[in-house]
PDB file of N, CA and C in Angstrom:
ATOM      1  N   UNK A   1      69.152  92.098 111.344  1.00  0.00           N
ATOM      2  CA  UNK A   1      69.003  90.822 111.930  1.00  0.00           C
ATOM      3  C   UNK A   1      68.987  90.531 113.649  1.00  0.00           C
ATOM      4  N   UNK A   2      67.775  90.732 114.298  1.00  0.00           N
ATOM      5  CA  UNK A   2      67.819  91.301 115.903  1.00  0.00           C
ATOM      6  C   UNK A   2      68.124  89.834 116.487  1.00  0.00           C
ATOM      7  N   UNK A   3      67.168  88.868 115.945  1.00  0.00           N
ATOM      8  CA  UNK A   3      67.312  87.554 116.902  1.00  0.00           C
ATOM      9  C   UNK A   3      68.235  86.464 115.612  1.00  0.00           C
ATOM     10  N   UNK A   4      68.982  85.979 116.130  1.00  0.00           N
ATOM     11  CA  UNK A   4      69.739  84.858 115.729  1.00  0.00           C
ATOM     12  C   UNK A   4      69.405  83.657 116.607  1.00  0.00           C
ATOM     13  N   UNK A   5      69.081  82.519 115.659  1.00  0.00           N
ATOM     14  CA  UNK A   5      68.378  81.179 116.366  1.00  0.00           C
ATOM     15  C   UNK A   5      69.483  80.242 116.479  1.00  0.00           C
ATOM     16  N   UNK A   6      69.990  79.445 117.390  1.00  0.00           N
ATOM     17  CA  UNK A   6      70.812  78.870 117.823  1.00  0.00           C
ATOM     18  C   UNK A   6      70.220  77.339 118.381  1.00  0.00           C
ATOM     19  N   UNK A   7      69.792  76.054 117.182  1.00  0.00           N
ATOM     20  CA  UNK A   7      68.889  75.086 117.665  1.00  0.00           C
ATOM     21  C   UNK A   7      70.086  73.884 117.879  1.00  0.00           C
ATOM     22  N   UNK A   8      70.396  73.593 119.374  1.00  0.00           N
ATOM     23  CA  UNK A   8      71.220  72.687 119.690  1.00  0.00           C
ATOM     24  C   UNK A   8      70.724  71.094 119.794  1.00  0.00           C
ATOM     25  N   UNK A   9      69.275  71.157 119.506  1.00  0.00           N
ATOM     26  CA  UNK A   9      69.022  70.205 119.635  1.00  0.00           C
ATOM     27  C   UNK A   9      69.536  69.260 118.822  1.00  0.00           C
ATOM     28  N   UNK A  10      69.737  67.839 119.125  1.00  0.00           N
ATOM     29  CA  UNK A  10      70.060  66.308 118.600  1.00  0.00           C
ATOM     30  C   UNK A  10      71.851  66.761 118.553  1.00  0.00           C
ATOM     31  N   UNK A  11      72.232  67.983 119.428  1.00  0.00           N
ATOM     32  CA  UNK A  11      73.870  67.708 119.435  1.00  0.00           C
ATOM     33  C   UNK A  11      73.967  67.137 120.822  1.00  0.00           C
ATOM     34  N   UNK A  12      75.412  66.437 120.901  1.00  0.00           N
ATOM     35  CA  UNK A  12      76.210  66.037 122.048  1.00  0.00           C
ATOM     36  C   UNK A  12      76.613  66.995 122.899  1.00  0.00           C
ATOM     37  N   UNK A  13      76.590  67.182 124.275  1.00  0.00           N
ATOM     38  CA  UNK A  13      77.882  67.693 124.436  1.00  0.00           C
ATOM     39  C   UNK A  13      79.140  67.232 124.241  1.00  0.00           C
ATOM     40  N   UNK A  14      80.125  68.544 124.198  1.00  0.00           N
ATOM     41  CA  UNK A  14      80.195  69.946 124.465  1.00  0.00           C
ATOM     42  C   UNK A  14      79.945  70.335 123.690  1.00  0.00           C
ATOM     43  N   UNK A  15      79.107  69.999 122.166  1.00  0.00           N
ATOM     44  CA  UNK A  15      79.272  70.542 121.259  1.00  0.00           C
ATOM     45  C   UNK A  15      78.223  71.900 121.289  1.00  0.00           C
ATOM     46  N   UNK A  16      76.863  71.762 122.273  1.00  0.00           N
ATOM     47  CA  UNK A  16      76.239  73.273 122.321  1.00  0.00           C
ATOM     48  C   UNK A  16      76.704  74.118 123.144  1.00  0.00           C
ATOM     49  N   UNK A  17      77.889  73.980 123.833  1.00  0.00           N
ATOM     50  CA  UNK A  17      78.181  75.043 124.712  1.00  0.00           C
ATOM     51  C   UNK A  17      79.352  75.486 123.740  1.00  0.00           C
ATOM     52  N   UNK A  18      80.180  74.585 122.937  1.00  0.00           N
ATOM     53  CA  UNK A  18      80.895  75.005 122.128  1.00  0.00           C
ATOM     54  C   UNK A  18      80.467  76.097 121.026  1.00  0.00           C
ATOM     55  N   UNK A  19      79.453  75.563 120.426  1.00  0.00           N
ATOM     56  CA  UNK A  19      78.455  76.754 119.556  1.00  0.00           C
ATOM     57  C   UNK A  19      78.215  78.150 120.136  1.00  0.00           C
ATOM     58  N   UNK A  20      77.775  78.064 121.502  1.00  0.00           N
ATOM     59  CA  UNK A  20      77.116  79.130 121.738  1.00  0.00           C
ATOM     60  C   UNK A  20      78.260  79.823 122.069  1.00  0.00           C
ATOM     61  N   UNK A  21      79.513  79.660 122.769  1.00  0.00           N
ATOM     62  CA  UNK A  21      80.614  80.632 123.234  1.00  0.00           C
ATOM     63  C   UNK A  21      81.190  80.828 121.950  1.00  0.00           C
ATOM     64  N   UNK A  22      81.751  80.116 120.871  1.00  0.00           N
ATOM     65  CA  UNK A  22      81.912  80.760 119.662  1.00  0.00           C
ATOM     66  C   UNK A  22      81.142  82.281 118.780  1.00  0.00           C
ATOM     67  N   UNK A  23      79.584  82.021 119.130  1.00  0.00           N
ATOM     68  CA  UNK A  23      78.566  82.494 118.532  1.00  0.00           C
ATOM     69  C   UNK A  23      78.351  83.944 119.759  1.00  0.00           C
ATOM     70  N   UNK A  24      78.474  83.879 120.833  1.00  0.00           N
ATOM     71  CA  UNK A  24      78.177  85.189 121.399  1.00  0.00           C
ATOM     72  C   UNK A  24      78.854  86.221 121.529  1.00  0.00           C
ATOM     73  N   UNK A  25      80.331  85.924 121.623  1.00  0.00           N
ATOM     74  CA  UNK A  25      81.082  87.189 121.583  1.00  0.00           C
ATOM     75  C   UNK A  25      81.133  87.753 120.306  1.00  0.00           C
ATOM     76  N   UNK A  26      80.289  87.295 119.030  1.00  0.00           N
ATOM     77  CA  UNK A  26      79.974  88.151 117.785  1.00  0.00           C
ATOM     78  C   UNK A  26      79.073  88.389 117.706  1.00  0.00           C
ATOM     79  N   UNK A  27      78.284  89.182 118.858  1.00  0.00           N
ATOM     80  CA  UNK A  27      76.491  89.596 118.907  1.00  0.00           C
ATOM     81  C   UNK A  27      76.822  91.151 118.964  1.00  0.00           C
ATOM     82  N   UNK A  28      75.997  91.630 117.675  1.00  0.00           N
ATOM     83  CA  UNK A  28      76.159  92.934 117.482  1.00  0.00           C
ATOM     84  C   UNK A  28      75.456  93.687 118.513  1.00  0.00           C
ATOM     85  N   UNK A  29      75.160  94.797 118.859  1.00  0.00           N
ATOM     86  CA  UNK A  29      74.337  96.080 119.220  1.00  0.00           C
ATOM     87  C   UNK A  29      72.581  95.713 119.027  1.00  0.00           C
ATOM     88  N   UNK A  30      72.166  95.487 119.884  1.00  0.00           N
ATOM     89  CA  UNK A  30      70.295  95.179 119.249  1.00  0.00           C
ATOM     90  C   UNK A  30      70.468  93.518 118.968  1.00  0.00           C
ATOM     91  N   UNK A  31      71.247  92.604 119.180  1.00  0.00           N
ATOM     92  CA  UNK A  31      70.752  91.638 118.667  1.00  0.00           C
ATOM     93  C   UNK A  31      71.086  90.273 119.949  1.00  0.00           C
ATOM     94  N   UNK A  32      70.262  89.442 119.885  1.00  0.00           N
ATOM     95  CA  UNK A  32      70.356  88.591 120.748  1.00  0.00           C
ATOM     96  C   UNK A  32      70.109  86.986 120.108  1.00  0.00           C
ATOM     97  N   UNK A  33      70.460  86.249 121.306  1.00  0.00           N
ATOM     98  CA  UNK A  33      70.776  84.672 120.332  1.00  0.00           C
ATOM     99  C   UNK A  33      69.505  84.228 121.022  1.00  0.00           C
ATOM    100  N   UNK A  34      68.566  82.884 120.418  1.00  0.00           N
ATOM    101  CA  UNK A  34      67.167  82.595 120.694  1.00  0.00           C
ATOM    102  C   UNK A  34      67.984  80.858 120.817  1.00  0.00           C
ATOM    103  N   UNK A  35      68.641  80.444 121.684  1.00  0.00           N
ATOM    104  CA  UNK A  35      69.023  78.728 121.834  1.00  0.00           C
ATOM    105  C   UNK A  35      67.598  77.853 122.523  1.00  0.00           C
ATOM    106  N   UNK A  36      67.706  77.109 121.281  1.00  0.00           N
ATOM    107  CA  UNK A  36      67.020  76.096 121.378  1.00  0.00           C
ATOM    108  C   UNK A  36      67.587  74.460 121.476  1.00  0.00           C
ATOM    109  N   UNK A  37      67.144  74.628 122.986  1.00  0.00           N
ATOM    110  CA  UNK A  37      68.007  73.167 123.555  1.00  0.00           C
ATOM    111  C   UNK A  37      67.116  72.262 124.251  1.00  0.00           C
ATOM    112  N   UNK A  38      67.444  70.821 124.133  1.00  0.00           N
ATOM    113  CA  UNK A  38      66.453  69.892 125.013  1.00  0.00           C
ATOM    114  C   UNK A  38      66.693  69.881 126.691  1.00  0.00           C
ATOM    115  N   UNK A  39      67.743  71.221 127.094  1.00  0.00           N
ATOM    116  CA  UNK A  39      67.576  70.831 128.496  1.00  0.00           C
ATOM    117  C   UNK A  39      68.449  72.320 128.762  1.00  0.00           C
ATOM    118  N   UNK A  40      68.646  72.458 130.018  1.00  0.00           N
ATOM    119  CA  UNK A  40      68.820  73.471 130.392  1.00  0.00           C
ATOM    120  C   UNK A  40      70.596  73.720 130.317  1.00  0.00           C
ATOM    121  N   UNK A  41      70.929  74.451 129.979  1.00  0.00           N
ATOM    122  CA  UNK A  41      72.492  74.807 129.017  1.00  0.00           C
ATOM    123  C   UNK A  41      73.460  75.055 130.519  1.00  0.00           C
ATOM    124  N   UNK A  42      73.378  74.172 131.848  1.00  0.00           N
ATOM    125  CA  UNK A  42      73.845  74.811 133.057  1.00  0.00           C
ATOM    126  C   UNK A  42      75.399  75.114 133.104  1.00  0.00           C
ATOM    127  N   UNK A  43      76.110  74.767 132.298  1.00  0.00           N
ATOM    128  CA  UNK A  43      77.670  74.736 131.984  1.00  0.00           C
ATOM    129  C   UNK A  43      77.894  76.307 131.738  1.00  0.00           C
ATOM    130  N   UNK A  44      76.957  76.502 130.763  1.00  0.00           N
ATOM    131  CA  UNK A  44      76.926  77.871 130.040  1.00  0.00           C
ATOM    132  C   UNK A  44      76.439  79.050 130.877  1.00  0.00           C
ATOM    133  N   UNK A  45      75.922  79.107 131.919  1.00  0.00           N
ATOM    134  CA  UNK A  45      75.410  79.637 132.428  1.00  0.00           C
ATOM    135  C   UNK A  45      76.715  80.547 133.455  1.00  0.00           C
ATOM    136  N   UNK A  46      77.710  80.203 133.657  1.00  0.00           N
ATOM    137  CA  UNK A  46      78.882  81.047 134.191  1.00  0.00           C
ATOM    138  C   UNK A  46      79.674  81.690 133.469  1.00  0.00           C
ATOM    139  N   UNK A  47      79.608  80.837 132.077  1.00  0.00           N
ATOM    140  CA  UNK A  47      80.300  81.637 131.024  1.00  0.00           C
ATOM    141  C   UNK A  47      79.247  83.144 130.802  1.00  0.00           C
ATOM    142  N   UNK A  48      78.074  83.008 130.622  1.00  0.00           N
ATOM    143  CA  UNK A  48      77.434  83.833 130.421  1.00  0.00           C
ATOM    144  C   UNK A  48      77.923  85.277 131.231  1.00  0.00           C
ATOM    145  N   UNK A  49      78.016  85.134 132.442  1.00  0.00           N
ATOM    146  CA  UNK A  49      77.943  85.841 133.637  1.00  0.00           C
ATOM    147  C   UNK A  49      79.492  86.562 133.474  1.00  0.00           C
ATOM    148  N   UNK A  50      80.279  85.663 133.320  1.00  0.00           N
ATOM    149  CA  UNK A  50      82.066  85.768 133.247  1.00  0.00           C
ATOM    150  C   UNK A  50      82.078  86.972 132.043  1.00  0.00           C
ATOM    151  N   UNK A  51      81.262  86.864 130.950  1.00  0.00           N
ATOM    152  CA  UNK A  51      81.150  87.768 129.649  1.00  0.00           C
ATOM    153  C   UNK A  51      80.459  88.820 129.613  1.00  0.00           C
ATOM    154  N   UNK A  52      79.857  89.285 130.408  1.00  0.00           N
ATOM    155  CA  UNK A  52      78.894  90.249 130.606  1.00  0.00           C
ATOM    156  C   UNK A  52      77.742  90.015 129.755  1.00  0.00           C
ATOM    157  N   UNK A  53      76.788  88.870 130.150  1.00  0.00           N
ATOM    158  CA  UNK A  53      76.044  88.385 129.120  1.00  0.00           C
ATOM    159  C   UNK A  53      74.405  88.133 129.928  1.00  0.00           C
ATOM    160  N   UNK A  54      73.332  88.381 129.287  1.00  0.00           N
ATOM    161  CA  UNK A  54      72.544  88.227 130.374  1.00  0.00           C
ATOM    162  C   UNK A  54      71.605  87.125 129.630  1.00  0.00           C
ATOM    163  N   UNK A  55      70.264  86.768 130.367  1.00  0.00           N
ATOM    164  CA  UNK A  55      69.895  85.328 129.627  1.00  0.00           C
ATOM    165  C   UNK A  55      68.741  85.129 130.994  1.00  0.00           C
ATOM    166  N   UNK A  56      67.488  84.726 129.637  1.00  0.00           N
ATOM    167  CA  UNK A  56      66.202  84.473 130.374  1.00  0.00           C
ATOM    168  C   UNK A  56      65.974  82.999 129.814  1.00  0.00           C
ATOM    169  N   UNK A  57      65.947  81.912 130.575  1.00  0.00           N
ATOM    170  CA  UNK A  57      65.611  80.631 130.261  1.00  0.00           C
ATOM    171  C   UNK A  57      64.236  80.629 130.218  1.00  0.00           C
ATOM    172  N   UNK A  58      63.449  79.922 129.115  1.00  0.00           N
ATOM    173  CA  UNK A  58      61.978  79.292 129.449  1.00  0.00           C
ATOM    174  C   UNK A  58      62.061  77.796 128.846  1.00  0.00           C
ATOM    175  N   UNK A  59      61.050  76.968 129.800  1.00  0.00           N
ATOM    176  CA  UNK A  59      61.025  76.012 129.829  1.00  0.00           C
ATOM    177  C   UNK A  59      59.629  75.592 129.029  1.00  0.00           C
ATOM    178  N   UNK A  60      59.835  75.190 127.716  1.00  0.00           N
ATOM    179  CA  UNK A  60      58.590  75.333 127.055  1.00  0.00           C
ATOM    180  C   UNK A  60      57.950  74.003 127.505  1.00  0.00           C
ATOM    181  N   UNK A  61      58.463  72.640 127.450  1.00  0.00           N
ATOM    182  CA  UNK A  61      58.095  71.493 128.076  1.00  0.00           C
ATOM    183  C   UNK A  61      59.396  70.940 128.695  1.00  0.00           C
ATOM    184  N   UNK A  62      58.787  69.593 129.057  1.00  0.00           N
ATOM    185  CA  UNK A  62      60.252  69.086 130.128  1.00  0.00           C
ATOM    186  C   UNK A  62      61.427  68.404 129.053  1.00  0.00           C
ATOM    187  N   UNK A  63      61.421  68.602 127.480  1.00  0.00           N
ATOM    188  CA  UNK A  63      62.670  68.732 126.998  1.00  0.00           C
ATOM    189  C   UNK A  63      62.861  69.350 125.795  1.00  0.00           C
ATOM    190  N   UNK A  64      62.043  70.577 125.941  1.00  0.00           N
ATOM    191  CA  UNK A  64      62.550  71.777 125.055  1.00  0.00           C
ATOM    192  C   UNK A  64      62.668  73.416 125.667  1.00  0.00           C
ATOM    193  N   UNK A  65      63.849  73.842 125.897  1.00  0.00           N
ATOM    194  CA  UNK A  65      63.817  75.023 126.258  1.00  0.00           C
ATOM    195  C   UNK A  65      64.285  76.063 125.398  1.00  0.00           C
ATOM    196  N   UNK A  66      63.822  77.526 125.458  1.00  0.00           N
ATOM    197  CA  UNK A  66      64.165  78.375 125.320  1.00  0.00           C
ATOM    198  C   UNK A  66      65.075  79.470 125.938  1.00  0.00           C
ATOM    199  N   UNK A  67      66.525  79.540 125.516  1.00  0.00           N
ATOM    200  CA  UNK A  67      67.403  80.953 126.111  1.00  0.00           C
ATOM    201  C   UNK A  67      67.470  81.605 125.107  1.00  0.00           C
ATOM    202  N   UNK A  68      67.385  82.329 125.951  1.00  0.00           N
ATOM    203  CA  UNK A  68      67.559  84.391 125.474  1.00  0.00           C
ATOM    204  C   UNK A  68      68.329  84.552 125.905  1.00  0.00           C
ATOM    205  N   UNK A  69      69.838  85.146 125.017  1.00  0.00           N
ATOM    206  CA  UNK A  69      70.926  85.786 125.724  1.00  0.00           C
ATOM    207  C   UNK A  69      71.139  87.212 124.999  1.00  0.00           C
ATOM    208  N   UNK A  70      71.786  88.065 125.756  1.00  0.00           N
ATOM    209  CA  UNK A  70      71.958  89.361 124.970  1.00  0.00           C
ATOM    210  C   UNK A  70      73.342  90.056 125.717  1.00  0.00           C
ATOM    211  N   UNK A  71      73.822  90.860 125.419  1.00  0.00           N
ATOM    212  CA  UNK A  71      74.593  91.773 126.185  1.00  0.00           C
ATOM    213  C   UNK A  71      73.963  92.576 127.350  1.00  0.00           C
ATOM    214  N   UNK A  72      74.808  92.222 128.351  1.00  0.00           N
ATOM    215  CA  UNK A  72      73.991  93.274 129.474  1.00  0.00           C
ATOM    216  C   UNK A  72      73.694  94.685 129.366  1.00  0.00           C
ATOM    217  N   UNK A  73      74.789  95.283 128.664  1.00  0.00           N
ATOM    218  CA  UNK A  73      74.816  96.267 128.341  1.00  0.00           C
ATOM    219  C   UNK A  73      73.623  97.167 127.270  1.00  0.00           C
ATOM    220  N   UNK A  74      72.926  96.042 126.740  1.00  0.00           N
ATOM    221  CA  UNK A  74      72.079  96.368 125.707  1.00  0.00           C
ATOM    222  C   UNK A  74      70.773  96.160 125.915  1.00  0.00           C
ATOM    223  N   UNK A  75      70.503  97.864 126.141  1.00  0.00           N
ATOM    224  CA  UNK A  75      69.070  98.085 127.039  1.00  0.00           C
ATOM    225  C   UNK A  75      68.181  97.600 125.603  1.00  0.00           C
ATOM    226  N   UNK A  76      68.542  98.131 123.883  1.00  0.00           N
ATOM    227  CA  UNK A  76      68.007  97.631 122.564  1.00  0.00           C
ATOM    228  C   UNK A  76      67.564  95.923 122.905  1.00  0.00           C
ATOM    229  N   UNK A  77      68.229  95.234 122.828  1.00  0.00           N
ATOM    230  CA  UNK A  77      68.193  93.743 123.098  1.00  0.00           C
ATOM    231  C   UNK A  77      67.631  93.390 124.238  1.00  0.00           C
ATOM    232  N   UNK A  78      67.836  93.760 125.249  1.00  0.00           N
ATOM    233  CA  UNK A  78      66.832  93.706 126.381  1.00  0.00           C
ATOM    234  C   UNK A  78      65.551  93.534 126.340  1.00  0.00           C
ATOM    235  N   UNK A  79      65.281  94.819 125.395  1.00  0.00           N
ATOM    236  CA  UNK A  79      63.972  95.333 125.805  1.00  0.00           C
ATOM    237  C   UNK A  79      62.926  94.374 124.583  1.00  0.00           C
ATOM    238  N   UNK A  80      63.608  94.056 123.669  1.00  0.00           N
ATOM    239  CA  UNK A  80      63.262  93.134 122.495  1.00  0.00           C
ATOM    240  C   UNK A  80      62.967  91.471 122.929  1.00  0.00           C
ATOM    241  N   UNK A  81      63.620  91.207 123.884  1.00  0.00           N
ATOM    242  CA  UNK A  81      63.278  89.799 124.410  1.00  0.00           C
ATOM    243  C   UNK A  81      62.479  89.761 125.418  1.00  0.00           C
ATOM    244  N   UNK A  82      62.523  91.231 126.008  1.00  0.00           N
ATOM    245  CA  UNK A  82      61.428  91.286 127.360  1.00  0.00           C
ATOM    246  C   UNK A  82      59.659  90.910 126.427  1.00  0.00           C
ATOM    247  N   UNK A  83      59.922  91.779 125.428  1.00  0.00           N
ATOM    248  CA  UNK A  83      58.762  92.213 124.725  1.00  0.00           C
ATOM    249  C   UNK A  83      57.783  90.698 124.189  1.00  0.00           C
ATOM    250  N   UNK A  84      59.061  89.568 124.043  1.00  0.00           N
ATOM    251  CA  UNK A  84      58.586  88.148 123.304  1.00  0.00           C
ATOM    252  C   UNK A  84      57.486  87.735 124.570  1.00  0.00           C
ATOM    253  N   UNK A  85      57.550  87.899 126.080  1.00  0.00           N
ATOM    254  CA  UNK A  85      56.822  87.319 126.679  1.00  0.00           C
ATOM    255  C   UNK A  85      56.732  86.189 127.060  1.00  0.00           C
TER     256      UNK A  85
END
């Protein structure tokens, strides 16, 4: 499985952050996370940078964001995310 979906809608902070930071260190080569959230995870962005992860955040509407996250050194996962448009 290349995509791991983490749907944090309906969760109160800090649970989305905690779930993401527990899941992301376990990413394997070629995998990425699609995090579905009702808001931008602003506290998560610095953590991602500190742990060698990249992200693209796409705002689908005012209360729906998709945050794609992968290892910075993983060209396969980055290519997959970029192909999603």
